[in-house]
């Protein structure tokens, strides 16, 4: 994810933002759901 984030940041700098870019709140929600799925 860290590697992808850097690739997407460079792409956004040249092409503009996209729906693939990381957004902090969205990423935290996805990680939280991952943890909850393991607990479940």
ModelCIF file with pLDDT and N, C-alpha, C, O atoms, coordinates in Angstrom:
data_MODEL
#
_entry.id   MODEL 
#
_entity.id                         1 
_entity.type                       polymer 
_entity.pdbx_number_of_molecules   1 
#
_entity_poly.entity_id                      1 
_entity_poly.type                           'polypeptide(L)' 
_entity_poly.nstd_linkage                   no 
_entity_poly.nstd_monomer                   no 
_entity_poly.pdbx_seq_one_letter_code       
;(UNK)(UNK)(UNK)(UNK)(UNK)(UNK)(UNK)(UNK)(UNK)(UNK)(UNK)(UNK)(UNK)(UNK)(UNK)(UNK)
(UNK)(UNK)(UNK)(UNK)(UNK)(UNK)(UNK)(UNK)(UNK)(UNK)(UNK)(UNK)(UNK)(UNK)(UNK)(UNK)
(UNK)(UNK)(UNK)(UNK)(UNK)(UNK)(UNK)(UNK)
;
_entity_poly.pdbx_seq_one_letter_code_can   XXXXXXXXXXXXXXXXXXXXXXXXXXXXXXXXXXXXXXXX 
_entity_poly.pdbx_strand_id                 A 
#
loop_
_entity_poly_seq.entity_id 
_entity_poly_seq.num 
_entity_poly_seq.mon_id 
_entity_poly_seq.hetero 
1 1  UNK n 
1 2  UNK n 
1 3  UNK n 
1 4  UNK n 
1 5  UNK n 
1 6  UNK n 
1 7  UNK n 
1 8  UNK n 
1 9  UNK n 
1 10 UNK n 
1 11 UNK n 
1 12 UNK n 
1 13 UNK n 
1 14 UNK n 
1 15 UNK n 
1 16 UNK n 
1 17 UNK n 
1 18 UNK n 
1 19 UNK n 
1 20 UNK n 
1 21 UNK n 
1 22 UNK n 
1 23 UNK n 
1 24 UNK n 
1 25 UNK n 
1 26 UNK n 
1 27 UNK n 
1 28 UNK n 
1 29 UNK n 
1 30 UNK n 
1 31 UNK n 
1 32 UNK n 
1 33 UNK n 
1 34 UNK n 
1 35 UNK n 
1 36 UNK n 
1 37 UNK n 
1 38 UNK n 
1 39 UNK n 
1 40 UNK n 
#
_struct_asym.id          A 
_struct_asym.entity_id   1 
#
loop_
_ma_qa_metric.id 
_ma_qa_metric.mode 
_ma_qa_metric.name 
_ma_qa_metric.software_group_id 
_ma_qa_metric.type 
1 global pLDDT . pLDDT 
2 local  pLDDT . pLDDT 
#
_ma_qa_metric_global.metric_id      1 
_ma_qa_metric_global.metric_value   96.62 
_ma_qa_metric_global.model_id       1 
_ma_qa_metric_global.ordinal_id     1 
#
loop_
_ma_qa_metric_local.label_asym_id 
_ma_qa_metric_local.label_comp_id 
_ma_qa_metric_local.label_seq_id 
_ma_qa_metric_local.metric_id 
_ma_qa_metric_local.metric_value 
_ma_qa_metric_local.model_id 
_ma_qa_metric_local.ordinal_id 
A UNK 1  2 98.00 1 1  
A UNK 2  2 98.00 1 2  
A UNK 3  2 98.00 1 3  
A UNK 4  2 98.00 1 4  
A UNK 5  2 98.00 1 5  
A UNK 6  2 97.00 1 6  
A UNK 7  2 97.00 1 7  
A UNK 8  2 97.00 1 8  
A UNK 9  2 97.00 1 9  
A UNK 10 2 96.00 1 10 
A UNK 11 2 96.00 1 11 
A UNK 12 2 96.00 1 12 
A UNK 13 2 96.00 1 13 
A UNK 14 2 95.00 1 14 
A UNK 15 2 94.00 1 15 
A UNK 16 2 95.00 1 16 
A UNK 17 2 95.00 1 17 
A UNK 18 2 96.00 1 18 
A UNK 19 2 96.00 1 19 
A UNK 20 2 97.00 1 20 
A UNK 21 2 97.00 1 21 
A UNK 22 2 98.00 1 22 
A UNK 23 2 97.00 1 23 
A UNK 24 2 97.00 1 24 
A UNK 25 2 98.00 1 25 
A UNK 26 2 98.00 1 26 
A UNK 27 2 98.00 1 27 
A UNK 28 2 98.00 1 28 
A UNK 29 2 98.00 1 29 
A UNK 30 2 98.00 1 30 
A UNK 31 2 97.00 1 31 
A UNK 32 2 97.00 1 32 
A UNK 33 2 97.00 1 33 
A UNK 34 2 96.00 1 34 
A UNK 35 2 96.00 1 35 
A UNK 36 2 96.00 1 36 
A UNK 37 2 96.00 1 37 
A UNK 38 2 94.00 1 38 
A UNK 39 2 95.00 1 39 
A UNK 40 2 94.00 1 40 
#
loop_
_atom_site.group_PDB 
_atom_site.id 
_atom_site.type_symbol 
_atom_site.label_atom_id 
_atom_site.label_alt_id 
_atom_site.label_comp_id 
_atom_site.label_asym_id 
_atom_site.label_entity_id 
_atom_site.label_seq_id 
_atom_site.pdbx_PDB_ins_code 
_atom_site.Cartn_x 
_atom_site.Cartn_y 
_atom_site.Cartn_z 
_atom_site.occupancy 
_atom_site.B_iso_or_equiv 
_atom_site.pdbx_formal_charge 
_atom_site.auth_seq_id 
_atom_site.auth_comp_id 
_atom_site.auth_asym_id 
_atom_site.auth_atom_id 
_atom_site.pdbx_PDB_model_num 
ATOM 1   N N  . UNK A 1 1  ? 0.830   -1.203  0.000   1.00 98.00 ? 1  UNK A N  1 
ATOM 2   C CA . UNK A 1 1  ? 0.000   0.000   0.000   1.00 98.00 ? 1  UNK A CA 1 
ATOM 3   C C  . UNK A 1 1  ? 0.863   1.250   0.000   1.00 98.00 ? 1  UNK A C  1 
ATOM 4   O O  . UNK A 1 1  ? 0.528   2.239   -0.653  1.00 98.00 ? 1  UNK A O  1 
ATOM 5   N N  . UNK A 1 2  ? 1.974   1.210   0.731   1.00 98.00 ? 2  UNK A N  1 
ATOM 6   C CA . UNK A 1 2  ? 2.883   2.364   0.757   1.00 98.00 ? 2  UNK A CA 1 
ATOM 7   C C  . UNK A 1 2  ? 3.488   2.604   -0.626  1.00 98.00 ? 2  UNK A C  1 
ATOM 8   O O  . UNK A 1 2  ? 3.595   3.746   -1.074  1.00 98.00 ? 2  UNK A O  1 
ATOM 9   N N  . UNK A 1 3  ? 3.880   1.528   -1.294  1.00 98.00 ? 3  UNK A N  1 
ATOM 10  C CA . UNK A 1 3  ? 4.434   1.660   -2.648  1.00 98.00 ? 3  UNK A CA 1 
ATOM 11  C C  . UNK A 1 3  ? 3.378   2.210   -3.603  1.00 98.00 ? 3  UNK A C  1 
ATOM 12  O O  . UNK A 1 3  ? 3.645   3.123   -4.385  1.00 98.00 ? 3  UNK A O  1 
ATOM 13  N N  . UNK A 1 4  ? 2.163   1.633   -3.526  1.00 98.00 ? 4  UNK A N  1 
ATOM 14  C CA . UNK A 1 4  ? 1.084   2.100   -4.406  1.00 98.00 ? 4  UNK A CA 1 
ATOM 15  C C  . UNK A 1 4  ? 0.776   3.569   -4.159  1.00 98.00 ? 4  UNK A C  1 
ATOM 16  O O  . UNK A 1 4  ? 0.538   4.327   -5.099  1.00 98.00 ? 4  UNK A O  1 
ATOM 17  N N  . UNK A 1 5  ? 0.781   3.965   -2.899  1.00 98.00 ? 5  UNK A N  1 
ATOM 18  C CA . UNK A 1 5  ? 0.488   5.353   -2.549  1.00 98.00 ? 5  UNK A CA 1 
ATOM 19  C C  . UNK A 1 5  ? 1.486   6.309   -3.216  1.00 98.00 ? 5  UNK A C  1 
ATOM 20  O O  . UNK A 1 5  ? 1.100   7.360   -3.727  1.00 98.00 ? 5  UNK A O  1 
ATOM 21  N N  . UNK A 1 6  ? 2.756   5.940   -3.206  1.00 97.00 ? 6  UNK A N  1 
ATOM 22  C CA . UNK A 1 6  ? 3.766   6.785   -3.832  1.00 97.00 ? 6  UNK A CA 1 
ATOM 23  C C  . UNK A 1 6  ? 3.602   6.831   -5.345  1.00 97.00 ? 6  UNK A C  1 
ATOM 24  O O  . UNK A 1 6  ? 3.759   7.887   -5.958  1.00 97.00 ? 6  UNK A O  1 
ATOM 25  N N  . UNK A 1 7  ? 3.289   5.700   -5.940  1.00 97.00 ? 7  UNK A N  1 
ATOM 26  C CA . UNK A 1 7  ? 3.057   5.662   -7.393  1.00 97.00 ? 7  UNK A CA 1 
ATOM 27  C C  . UNK A 1 7  ? 1.878   6.551   -7.769  1.00 97.00 ? 7  UNK A C  1 
ATOM 28  O O  . UNK A 1 7  ? 1.942   7.296   -8.747  1.00 97.00 ? 7  UNK A O  1 
ATOM 29  N N  . UNK A 1 8  ? 0.798   6.471   -6.986  1.00 97.00 ? 8  UNK A N  1 
ATOM 30  C CA . UNK A 1 8  ? -0.393  7.264   -7.272  1.00 97.00 ? 8  UNK A CA 1 
ATOM 31  C C  . UNK A 1 8  ? -0.138  8.759   -7.055  1.00 97.00 ? 8  UNK A C  1 
ATOM 32  O O  . UNK A 1 8  ? -0.685  9.591   -7.779  1.00 97.00 ? 8  UNK A O  1 
ATOM 33  N N  . UNK A 1 9  ? 0.681   9.100   -6.074  1.00 97.00 ? 9  UNK A N  1 
ATOM 34  C CA . UNK A 1 9  ? 1.002   10.509  -5.840  1.00 97.00 ? 9  UNK A CA 1 
ATOM 35  C C  . UNK A 1 9  ? 1.756   11.087  -7.037  1.00 97.00 ? 9  UNK A C  1 
ATOM 36  O O  . UNK A 1 9  ? 1.482   12.208  -7.467  1.00 97.00 ? 9  UNK A O  1 
ATOM 37  N N  . UNK A 1 10 ? 2.704   10.322  -7.572  1.00 96.00 ? 10 UNK A N  1 
ATOM 38  C CA . UNK A 1 10 ? 3.441   10.800  -8.753  1.00 96.00 ? 10 UNK A CA 1 
ATOM 39  C C  . UNK A 1 10 ? 2.516   10.903  -9.959  1.00 96.00 ? 10 UNK A C  1 
ATOM 40  O O  . UNK A 1 10 ? 2.624   11.833  -10.757 1.00 96.00 ? 10 UNK A O  1 
ATOM 41  N N  . UNK A 1 11 ? 1.618   9.951   -10.082 1.00 96.00 ? 11 UNK A N  1 
ATOM 42  C CA . UNK A 1 11 ? 0.685   9.999   -11.209 1.00 96.00 ? 11 UNK A CA 1 
ATOM 43  C C  . UNK A 1 11 ? -0.252  11.193  -11.089 1.00 96.00 ? 11 UNK A C  1 
ATOM 44  O O  . UNK A 1 11 ? -0.545  11.864  -12.079 1.00 96.00 ? 11 UNK A O  1 
ATOM 45  N N  . UNK A 1 12 ? -0.721  11.455  -9.866  1.00 96.00 ? 12 UNK A N  1 
ATOM 46  C CA . UNK A 1 12 ? -1.620  12.593  -9.655  1.00 96.00 ? 12 UNK A CA 1 
ATOM 47  C C  . UNK A 1 12 ? -0.924  13.913  -9.962  1.00 96.00 ? 12 UNK A C  1 
ATOM 48  O O  . UNK A 1 12 ? -1.561  14.857  -10.428 1.00 96.00 ? 12 UNK A O  1 
ATOM 49  N N  . UNK A 1 13 ? 0.378   13.985  -9.706  1.00 96.00 ? 13 UNK A N  1 
ATOM 50  C CA . UNK A 1 13 ? 1.117   15.218  -9.972  1.00 96.00 ? 13 UNK A CA 1 
ATOM 51  C C  . UNK A 1 13 ? 1.185   15.527  -11.456 1.00 96.00 ? 13 UNK A C  1 
ATOM 52  O O  . UNK A 1 13 ? 1.250   16.691  -11.850 1.00 96.00 ? 13 UNK A O  1 
ATOM 53  N N  . UNK A 1 14 ? 1.169   14.481  -12.285 1.00 95.00 ? 14 UNK A N  1 
ATOM 54  C CA . UNK A 1 14 ? 1.271   14.701  -13.736 1.00 95.00 ? 14 UNK A CA 1 
ATOM 55  C C  . UNK A 1 14 ? -0.067  14.638  -14.453 1.00 95.00 ? 14 UNK A C  1 
ATOM 56  O O  . UNK A 1 14 ? -0.270  15.327  -15.452 1.00 95.00 ? 14 UNK A O  1 
ATOM 57  N N  . UNK A 1 15 ? -0.988  13.808  -13.945 1.00 94.00 ? 15 UNK A N  1 
ATOM 58  C CA . UNK A 1 15 ? -2.263  13.618  -14.644 1.00 94.00 ? 15 UNK A CA 1 
ATOM 59  C C  . UNK A 1 15 ? -3.463  14.182  -13.903 1.00 94.00 ? 15 UNK A C  1 
ATOM 60  O O  . UNK A 1 15 ? -4.546  14.303  -14.475 1.00 94.00 ? 15 UNK A O  1 
ATOM 61  N N  . UNK A 1 16 ? -3.281  14.527  -12.639 1.00 95.00 ? 16 UNK A N  1 
ATOM 62  C CA . UNK A 1 16 ? -4.406  14.971  -11.831 1.00 95.00 ? 16 UNK A CA 1 
ATOM 63  C C  . UNK A 1 16 ? -4.928  13.837  -10.953 1.00 95.00 ? 16 UNK A C  1 
ATOM 64  O O  . UNK A 1 16 ? -4.551  12.679  -11.135 1.00 95.00 ? 16 UNK A O  1 
ATOM 65  N N  . UNK A 1 17 ? -5.799  14.176  -10.000 1.00 95.00 ? 17 UNK A N  1 
ATOM 66  C CA . UNK A 1 17 ? -6.309  13.157  -9.066  1.00 95.00 ? 17 UNK A CA 1 
ATOM 67  C C  . UNK A 1 17 ? -7.205  12.126  -9.752  1.00 95.00 ? 17 UNK A C  1 
ATOM 68  O O  . UNK A 1 17 ? -7.750  12.368  -10.829 1.00 95.00 ? 17 UNK A O  1 
ATOM 69  N N  . UNK A 1 18 ? -7.340  10.980  -9.103  1.00 96.00 ? 18 UNK A N  1 
ATOM 70  C CA . UNK A 1 18 ? -8.197  9.910   -9.623  1.00 96.00 ? 18 UNK A CA 1 
ATOM 71  C C  . UNK A 1 18 ? -8.860  9.189   -8.454  1.00 96.00 ? 18 UNK A C  1 
ATOM 72  O O  . UNK A 1 18 ? -8.524  9.418   -7.292  1.00 96.00 ? 18 UNK A O  1 
ATOM 73  N N  . UNK A 1 19 ? -9.811  8.311   -8.785  1.00 96.00 ? 19 UNK A N  1 
ATOM 74  C CA . UNK A 1 19 ? -10.523 7.552   -7.751  1.00 96.00 ? 19 UNK A CA 1 
ATOM 75  C C  . UNK A 1 19 ? -9.641  6.487   -7.120  1.00 96.00 ? 19 UNK A C  1 
ATOM 76  O O  . UNK A 1 19 ? -10.032 5.868   -6.130  1.00 96.00 ? 19 UNK A O  1 
ATOM 77  N N  . UNK A 1 20 ? -8.455  6.265   -7.678  1.00 97.00 ? 20 UNK A N  1 
ATOM 78  C CA . UNK A 1 20 ? -7.543  5.311   -7.071  1.00 97.00 ? 20 UNK A CA 1 
ATOM 79  C C  . UNK A 1 20 ? -6.700  5.896   -5.965  1.00 97.00 ? 20 UNK A C  1 
ATOM 80  O O  . UNK A 1 20 ? -6.080  5.159   -5.199  1.00 97.00 ? 20 UNK A O  1 
ATOM 81  N N  . UNK A 1 21 ? -6.668  7.223   -5.868  1.00 97.00 ? 21 UNK A N  1 
ATOM 82  C CA . UNK A 1 21 ? -5.823  7.873   -4.868  1.00 97.00 ? 21 UNK A CA 1 
ATOM 83  C C  . UNK A 1 21 ? -6.279  7.549   -3.443  1.00 97.00 ? 21 UNK A C  1 
ATOM 84  O O  . UNK A 1 21 ? -7.461  7.308   -3.194  1.00 97.00 ? 21 UNK A O  1 
ATOM 85  N N  . UNK A 1 22 ? -5.338  7.547   -2.533  1.00 98.00 ? 22 UNK A N  1 
ATOM 86  C CA . UNK A 1 22 ? -5.652  7.298   -1.127  1.00 98.00 ? 22 UNK A CA 1 
ATOM 87  C C  . UNK A 1 22 ? -6.247  8.552   -0.498  1.00 98.00 ? 22 UNK A C  1 
ATOM 88  O O  . UNK A 1 22 ? -5.782  9.668   -0.726  1.00 98.00 ? 22 UNK A O  1 
ATOM 89  N N  . UNK A 1 23 ? -7.285  8.336   0.297   1.00 97.00 ? 23 UNK A N  1 
ATOM 90  C CA . UNK A 1 23 ? -7.904  9.401   1.084   1.00 97.00 ? 23 UNK A CA 1 
ATOM 91  C C  . UNK A 1 23 ? -7.905  8.914   2.522   1.00 97.00 ? 23 UNK A C  1 
ATOM 92  O O  . UNK A 1 23 ? -8.378  7.812   2.800   1.00 97.00 ? 23 UNK A O  1 
ATOM 93  N N  . UNK A 1 24 ? -7.386  9.712   3.434   1.00 97.00 ? 24 UNK A N  1 
ATOM 94  C CA . UNK A 1 24 ? -7.092  9.240   4.790   1.00 97.00 ? 24 UNK A CA 1 
ATOM 95  C C  . UNK A 1 24 ? -8.291  8.609   5.476   1.00 97.00 ? 24 UNK A C  1 
ATOM 96  O O  . UNK A 1 24 ? -8.175  7.518   6.033   1.00 97.00 ? 24 UNK A O  1 
ATOM 97  N N  . UNK A 1 25 ? -9.444  9.274   5.446   1.00 98.00 ? 25 UNK A N  1 
ATOM 98  C CA . UNK A 1 25 ? -10.611 8.751   6.156   1.00 98.00 ? 25 UNK A CA 1 
ATOM 99  C C  . UNK A 1 25 ? -11.102 7.457   5.525   1.00 98.00 ? 25 UNK A C  1 
ATOM 100 O O  . UNK A 1 25 ? -11.500 6.527   6.226   1.00 98.00 ? 25 UNK A O  1 
ATOM 101 N N  . UNK A 1 26 ? -11.072 7.402   4.190   1.00 98.00 ? 26 UNK A N  1 
ATOM 102 C CA . UNK A 1 26 ? -11.496 6.188   3.499   1.00 98.00 ? 26 UNK A CA 1 
ATOM 103 C C  . UNK A 1 26 ? -10.558 5.030   3.821   1.00 98.00 ? 26 UNK A C  1 
ATOM 104 O O  . UNK A 1 26 ? -11.006 3.910   4.070   1.00 98.00 ? 26 UNK A O  1 
ATOM 105 N N  . UNK A 1 27 ? -9.269  5.302   3.815   1.00 98.00 ? 27 UNK A N  1 
ATOM 106 C CA . UNK A 1 27 ? -8.299  4.247   4.111   1.00 98.00 ? 27 UNK A CA 1 
ATOM 107 C C  . UNK A 1 27 ? -8.454  3.739   5.538   1.00 98.00 ? 27 UNK A C  1 
ATOM 108 O O  . UNK A 1 27 ? -8.402  2.534   5.782   1.00 98.00 ? 27 UNK A O  1 
ATOM 109 N N  . UNK A 1 28 ? -8.646  4.665   6.486   1.00 98.00 ? 28 UNK A N  1 
ATOM 110 C CA . UNK A 1 28 ? -8.854  4.241   7.882   1.00 98.00 ? 28 UNK A CA 1 
ATOM 111 C C  . UNK A 1 28 ? -10.101 3.372   8.002   1.00 98.00 ? 28 UNK A C  1 
ATOM 112 O O  . UNK A 1 28 ? -10.103 2.382   8.734   1.00 98.00 ? 28 UNK A O  1 
ATOM 113 N N  . UNK A 1 29 ? -11.166 3.743   7.282   1.00 98.00 ? 29 UNK A N  1 
ATOM 114 C CA . UNK A 1 29 ? -12.391 2.941   7.331   1.00 98.00 ? 29 UNK A CA 1 
ATOM 115 C C  . UNK A 1 29 ? -12.150 1.545   6.775   1.00 98.00 ? 29 UNK A C  1 
ATOM 116 O O  . UNK A 1 29 ? -12.635 0.563   7.337   1.00 98.00 ? 29 UNK A O  1 
ATOM 117 N N  . UNK A 1 30 ? -11.404 1.445   5.672   1.00 98.00 ? 30 UNK A N  1 
ATOM 118 C CA . UNK A 1 30 ? -11.122 0.139   5.079   1.00 98.00 ? 30 UNK A CA 1 
ATOM 119 C C  . UNK A 1 30 ? -10.293 -0.725  6.020   1.00 98.00 ? 30 UNK A C  1 
ATOM 120 O O  . UNK A 1 30 ? -10.564 -1.916  6.176   1.00 98.00 ? 30 UNK A O  1 
ATOM 121 N N  . UNK A 1 31 ? -9.279  -0.124  6.650   1.00 97.00 ? 31 UNK A N  1 
ATOM 122 C CA . UNK A 1 31 ? -8.444  -0.878  7.589   1.00 97.00 ? 31 UNK A CA 1 
ATOM 123 C C  . UNK A 1 31 ? -9.258  -1.320  8.807   1.00 97.00 ? 31 UNK A C  1 
ATOM 124 O O  . UNK A 1 31 ? -9.079  -2.426  9.315   1.00 97.00 ? 31 UNK A O  1 
ATOM 125 N N  . UNK A 1 32 ? -10.156 -0.439  9.269   1.00 97.00 ? 32 UNK A N  1 
ATOM 126 C CA . UNK A 1 32 ? -11.010 -0.806  10.413  1.00 97.00 ? 32 UNK A CA 1 
ATOM 127 C C  . UNK A 1 32 ? -11.899 -1.991  10.060  1.00 97.00 ? 32 UNK A C  1 
ATOM 128 O O  . UNK A 1 32 ? -12.083 -2.896  10.874  1.00 97.00 ? 32 UNK A O  1 
ATOM 129 N N  . UNK A 1 33 ? -12.450 -1.989  8.851   1.00 97.00 ? 33 UNK A N  1 
ATOM 130 C CA . UNK A 1 33 ? -13.300 -3.103  8.439   1.00 97.00 ? 33 UNK A CA 1 
ATOM 131 C C  . UNK A 1 33 ? -12.480 -4.391  8.318   1.00 97.00 ? 33 UNK A C  1 
ATOM 132 O O  . UNK A 1 33 ? -12.977 -5.480  8.602   1.00 97.00 ? 33 UNK A O  1 
ATOM 133 N N  . UNK A 1 34 ? -11.223 -4.254  7.896   1.00 96.00 ? 34 UNK A N  1 
ATOM 134 C CA . UNK A 1 34 ? -10.367 -5.434  7.841   1.00 96.00 ? 34 UNK A CA 1 
ATOM 135 C C  . UNK A 1 34 ? -10.139 -6.042  9.215   1.00 96.00 ? 34 UNK A C  1 
ATOM 136 O O  . UNK A 1 34 ? -10.193 -7.260  9.380   1.00 96.00 ? 34 UNK A O  1 
ATOM 137 N N  . UNK A 1 35 ? -9.882  -5.188  10.202  1.00 96.00 ? 35 UNK A N  1 
ATOM 138 C CA . UNK A 1 35 ? -9.686  -5.669  11.575  1.00 96.00 ? 35 UNK A CA 1 
ATOM 139 C C  . UNK A 1 35 ? -10.970 -6.304  12.107  1.00 96.00 ? 35 UNK A C  1 
ATOM 140 O O  . UNK A 1 35 ? -10.939 -7.372  12.717  1.00 96.00 ? 35 UNK A O  1 
ATOM 141 N N  . UNK A 1 36 ? -12.092 -5.636  11.868  1.00 96.00 ? 36 UNK A N  1 
ATOM 142 C CA . UNK A 1 36 ? -13.375 -6.163  12.345  1.00 96.00 ? 36 UNK A CA 1 
ATOM 143 C C  . UNK A 1 36 ? -13.714 -7.506  11.698  1.00 96.00 ? 36 UNK A C  1 
ATOM 144 O O  . UNK A 1 36 ? -14.313 -8.372  12.335  1.00 96.00 ? 36 UNK A O  1 
ATOM 145 N N  . UNK A 1 37 ? -13.331 -7.674  10.439  1.00 96.00 ? 37 UNK A N  1 
ATOM 146 C CA . UNK A 1 37 ? -13.612 -8.953  9.772   1.00 96.00 ? 37 UNK A CA 1 
ATOM 147 C C  . UNK A 1 37 ? -12.811 -10.085 10.395  1.00 96.00 ? 37 UNK A C  1 
ATOM 148 O O  . UNK A 1 37 ? -13.298 -11.212 10.488  1.00 96.00 ? 37 UNK A O  1 
ATOM 149 N N  . UNK A 1 38 ? -11.573 -9.793  10.826  1.00 94.00 ? 38 UNK A N  1 
ATOM 150 C CA . UNK A 1 38 ? -10.760 -10.811 11.506  1.00 94.00 ? 38 UNK A CA 1 
ATOM 151 C C  . UNK A 1 38 ? -11.388 -11.164 12.856  1.00 94.00 ? 38 UNK A C  1 
ATOM 152 O O  . UNK A 1 38 ? -11.458 -12.335 13.227  1.00 94.00 ? 38 UNK A O  1 
ATOM 153 N N  . UNK A 1 39 ? -11.844 -10.141 13.587  1.00 95.00 ? 39 UNK A N  1 
ATOM 154 C CA . UNK A 1 39 ? -12.502 -10.373 14.877  1.00 95.00 ? 39 UNK A CA 1 
ATOM 155 C C  . UNK A 1 39 ? -13.771 -11.203 14.672  1.00 95.00 ? 39 UNK A C  1 
ATOM 156 O O  . UNK A 1 39 ? -14.032 -12.148 15.416  1.00 95.00 ? 39 UNK A O  1 
ATOM 157 N N  . UNK A 1 40 ? -14.558 -10.837 13.647  1.00 94.00 ? 40 UNK A N  1 
ATOM 158 C CA . UNK A 1 40 ? -15.796 -11.573 13.381  1.00 94.00 ? 40 UNK A CA 1 
ATOM 159 C C  . UNK A 1 40 ? -15.504 -13.026 13.025  1.00 94.00 ? 40 UNK A C  1 
ATOM 160 O O  . UNK A 1 40 ? -16.429 -13.796 12.770  1.00 94.00 ? 40 UNK A O  1 
#
